[in-house]
Amino acid sequence: MNDNQFFKIRSLKAGELQMEFRSNDLEKAIIKLPASHSDPLAEMADVLLKINANYDTAGNVIDSSARFFTFWEADKTMYTCEYTPRAQRVVDIEMNICNNMYAGIHTHDDFCLRFRDGIDNILANIYEEMKRLLMDHGFCGYRSSWSKGEFPLSYFLQLHNLVEHGAICLCPFKDEIKALGKIYTD
């Protein structure tokens, strides 16, 4: 994998994400996802944690046939991302965009983008974006002004433990509260 390739996600406003794909020769694609009928951030965190669990401690893929998907639906558009784990903790990402003419049935792709990045980079990026949203909006503000759903706290804490401590640990509630306090003060 080339170190200059990366995938970055940023929440622009409620229900809208921006994904940036950049390659080693400075090619760049920025896609805005108006996912008004789903919560892309929570869905991505969920699937990325599942992808991470598909690697052993040496960075080898446990189930080489495994494919992971996220689907986001807006009023007129549907987005599908397919994630394929590769050796050395690298993930191939294929994003397809199609018109949402048939109530969520994926008919054909109007646009396809393929990319590759390290799972650790993607996990860290999602974690930092979730942290930014939590700091900017808080739990109640996230629900009332950002998204009509709940802040994905469980995914956030799992990502925090994975990114900051290298492993997902199951810990008592009081330790989770301490972790949130430390995140706030750092």
Protein backbone atom coordinates (compact mmCIF):
# COMPACT_ATOMS: atom_id res chain seq x y z
CA MET A 1 0.00 0.00 0.00
CA ASN A 2 1.27 3.45 -0.80
CA ASP A 3 1.46 5.69 2.26
CA ASN A 4 0.07 8.62 0.29
CA GLN A 5 -3.33 7.03 -0.29
CA PHE A 6 -6.03 7.85 2.18
CA PHE A 7 -9.70 7.96 2.86
CA LYS A 8 -11.18 10.70 5.01
CA ILE A 9 -14.71 11.38 6.17
CA ARG A 10 -16.20 14.59 7.55
CA SER A 11 -19.71 15.44 8.66
CA LEU A 12 -20.83 18.64 6.99
CA LYS A 13 -24.29 19.06 8.45
CA ALA A 14 -27.08 16.89 9.74
CA GLY A 15 -27.48 13.91 7.45
CA GLU A 16 -24.65 14.89 5.09
CA LEU A 17 -21.17 13.43 4.98
CA GLN A 18 -18.23 14.28 2.80
CA MET A 19 -15.88 11.48 1.81
CA GLU A 20 -12.50 12.32 0.41
CA PHE A 21 -10.38 9.81 -1.46
CA ARG A 22 -6.83 10.79 -2.36
CA SER A 23 -4.28 8.70 -4.23
CA ASN A 24 -0.50 8.73 -4.40
CA ASP A 25 -0.39 10.85 -7.55
CA LEU A 26 -2.48 13.56 -5.84
CA GLU A 27 -5.70 12.61 -7.58
CA LYS A 28 -8.56 13.51 -5.34
CA ALA A 29 -12.27 12.78 -5.29
CA ILE A 30 -14.65 14.45 -2.87
CA ILE A 31 -18.15 13.02 -2.61
CA LYS A 32 -20.96 14.55 -0.59
CA LEU A 33 -23.46 12.04 0.75
CA PRO A 34 -26.86 13.46 1.67
CA ALA A 35 -27.99 10.40 3.59
CA SER A 36 -31.32 11.69 4.81
CA HIS A 37 -32.82 8.27 5.52
CA SER A 38 -29.90 6.67 7.37
CA ASP A 39 -27.03 7.41 9.74
CA PRO A 40 -23.81 6.89 7.76
CA LEU A 41 -21.47 7.59 10.66
CA ALA A 42 -22.93 4.88 12.91
CA GLU A 43 -23.17 2.43 10.01
CA MET A 44 -19.53 3.01 9.04
CA ALA A 45 -18.33 2.58 12.63
CA ASP A 46 -20.25 -0.70 12.89
CA VAL A 47 -18.86 -2.16 9.68
CA LEU A 48 -15.30 -0.96 10.34
CA LEU A 49 -15.27 -2.65 13.74
CA LYS A 50 -16.44 -5.87 12.04
CA ILE A 51 -13.68 -5.52 9.43
CA ASN A 52 -11.09 -4.96 12.16
CA ALA A 53 -12.26 -8.15 13.89
CA ASN A 54 -11.54 -10.02 10.62
CA TYR A 55 -7.78 -9.52 11.09
CA ASP A 56 -5.51 -11.58 13.32
CA THR A 57 -2.76 -10.01 15.42
CA ALA A 58 -0.24 -10.35 12.56
CA GLY A 59 -2.47 -8.36 10.20
CA ASN A 60 -3.61 -11.35 8.18
CA VAL A 61 -7.20 -11.70 7.01
CA ILE A 62 -9.08 -14.39 8.95
CA ASP A 63 -11.89 -14.93 6.40
CA SER A 64 -10.61 -14.01 2.94
CA SER A 65 -14.06 -14.40 1.39
CA ALA A 66 -15.64 -11.83 3.73
CA ARG A 67 -17.13 -8.69 2.20
CA PHE A 68 -18.67 -5.88 4.20
CA PHE A 69 -21.22 -3.32 3.05
CA THR A 70 -22.76 -0.02 4.06
CA PHE A 71 -25.86 1.37 2.38
CA TRP A 72 -27.11 4.94 2.62
CA GLU A 73 -30.28 6.27 1.16
CA ALA A 74 -31.26 9.84 0.36
CA ASP A 75 -34.37 11.10 -1.41
CA LYS A 76 -33.01 10.70 -4.94
CA THR A 77 -29.76 8.81 -4.52
CA MET A 78 -28.52 5.56 -3.02
CA TYR A 79 -24.92 4.93 -1.98
CA THR A 80 -23.27 1.56 -1.48
CA CYS A 81 -19.78 0.95 -0.14
CA GLU A 82 -18.21 -2.48 -0.35
CA TYR A 83 -15.19 -3.12 1.85
CA THR A 84 -12.84 -6.02 1.09
CA PRO A 85 -10.15 -6.80 3.70
CA ARG A 86 -6.67 -7.51 2.31
CA ALA A 87 -3.38 -8.56 3.92
CA GLN A 88 -1.38 -6.14 6.07
CA ARG A 89 -4.58 -4.49 7.37
CA VAL A 90 -5.39 -2.92 4.01
CA VAL A 91 -8.99 -2.52 2.86
CA ASP A 92 -10.24 -2.13 -0.70
CA ILE A 93 -13.23 0.21 -0.85
CA GLU A 94 -15.65 0.40 -3.75
CA MET A 95 -18.30 3.11 -3.66
CA ASN A 96 -21.27 2.96 -6.01
CA ILE A 97 -23.84 5.67 -6.49
CA CYS A 98 -27.15 5.15 -8.26
CA ASN A 99 -30.46 6.93 -8.63
CA ASN A 100 -32.99 5.90 -6.00
CA MET A 101 -35.95 5.46 -8.34
CA TYR A 102 -37.34 2.20 -7.00
CA ALA A 103 -37.68 2.70 -3.23
CA GLY A 104 -34.23 1.55 -2.18
CA ILE A 105 -33.70 -1.15 -4.80
CA HIS A 106 -30.20 -0.85 -6.25
CA THR A 107 -30.70 -1.03 -10.02
CA HIS A 108 -27.51 0.13 -11.74
CA ASP A 109 -24.49 2.25 -10.87
CA ASP A 110 -24.23 5.79 -12.16
CA PHE A 111 -20.80 6.25 -10.63
CA CYS A 112 -18.19 3.91 -9.17
CA LEU A 113 -15.02 4.76 -7.28
CA ARG A 114 -12.43 2.23 -6.12
CA PHE A 115 -9.87 2.94 -3.47
CA ARG A 116 -7.53 1.31 -0.95
CA ASP A 117 -6.40 2.41 2.49
CA GLY A 118 -5.25 0.95 5.79
CA ILE A 119 -7.97 -0.04 8.26
CA ASP A 120 -6.09 1.72 11.07
CA ASN A 121 -6.21 5.03 9.17
CA ILE A 122 -9.92 4.65 8.45
CA LEU A 123 -10.74 3.70 12.06
CA ALA A 124 -8.76 6.68 13.38
CA ASN A 125 -10.50 9.01 10.94
CA ILE A 126 -13.99 7.86 11.91
CA TYR A 127 -13.08 8.08 15.61
CA GLU A 128 -11.77 11.65 15.25
CA GLU A 129 -14.88 12.73 13.35
CA MET A 130 -17.18 11.20 15.96
CA LYS A 131 -15.14 12.89 18.70
CA ARG A 132 -15.41 16.24 16.92
CA LEU A 133 -19.19 15.89 16.62
CA LEU A 134 -19.53 14.93 20.28
CA MET A 135 -17.41 17.91 21.38
CA ASP A 136 -19.32 20.31 19.11
CA HIS A 137 -22.88 19.11 19.79
CA GLY A 138 -22.92 16.94 22.92
CA PHE A 139 -25.29 14.02 23.31
CA CYS A 140 -28.52 16.01 23.42
CA GLY A 141 -27.41 18.48 20.76
CA TYR A 142 -26.48 15.62 18.45
CA ARG A 143 -30.02 14.28 18.64
CA SER A 144 -31.85 17.60 18.42
CA SER A 145 -29.78 19.55 15.94
CA TRP A 146 -27.44 17.16 14.18
CA SER A 147 -29.13 13.83 13.61
CA LYS A 148 -32.56 12.61 14.58
CA GLY A 149 -30.96 9.48 15.98
CA GLU A 150 -28.87 8.88 19.07
CA PHE A 151 -25.14 9.51 19.17
CA PRO A 152 -23.53 6.09 18.57
CA LEU A 153 -21.84 6.01 21.98
CA SER A 154 -21.04 2.29 22.05
CA TYR A 155 -19.28 2.48 18.68
CA PHE A 156 -17.48 5.63 19.78
CA LEU A 157 -16.13 4.00 22.96
CA GLN A 158 -15.07 0.88 21.05
CA LEU A 159 -13.26 3.04 18.49
CA HIS A 160 -11.66 5.07 21.29
CA ASN A 161 -10.27 1.93 22.93
CA LEU A 162 -9.09 0.54 19.61
CA VAL A 163 -7.46 3.73 18.30
CA GLU A 164 -6.02 4.99 21.59
CA HIS A 165 -5.21 1.69 23.33
CA GLY A 166 -4.89 -0.87 20.52
CA ALA A 167 -7.72 -3.15 21.60
CA ILE A 168 -11.42 -3.16 22.32
CA CYS A 169 -11.87 -3.87 25.99
CA LEU A 170 -15.04 -4.68 27.81
CA CYS A 171 -15.03 -2.61 30.95
CA PRO A 172 -17.48 -1.54 33.66
CA PHE A 173 -19.65 1.52 33.20
CA LYS A 174 -17.59 3.60 35.65
CA ASP A 175 -14.48 3.01 33.50
CA GLU A 176 -16.40 4.10 30.41
CA ILE A 177 -17.42 7.31 32.20
CA LYS A 178 -13.77 7.87 33.16
CA ALA A 179 -12.76 7.34 29.52
CA LEU A 180 -15.32 9.94 28.38
CA GLY A 181 -13.98 12.37 30.99
CA LYS A 182 -10.43 11.81 29.76
CA ILE A 183 -11.50 12.32 26.14
CA TYR A 184 -13.11 15.59 27.18
CA THR A 185 -10.06 16.88 29.04
CA ASP A 186 -7.47 15.84 26.43
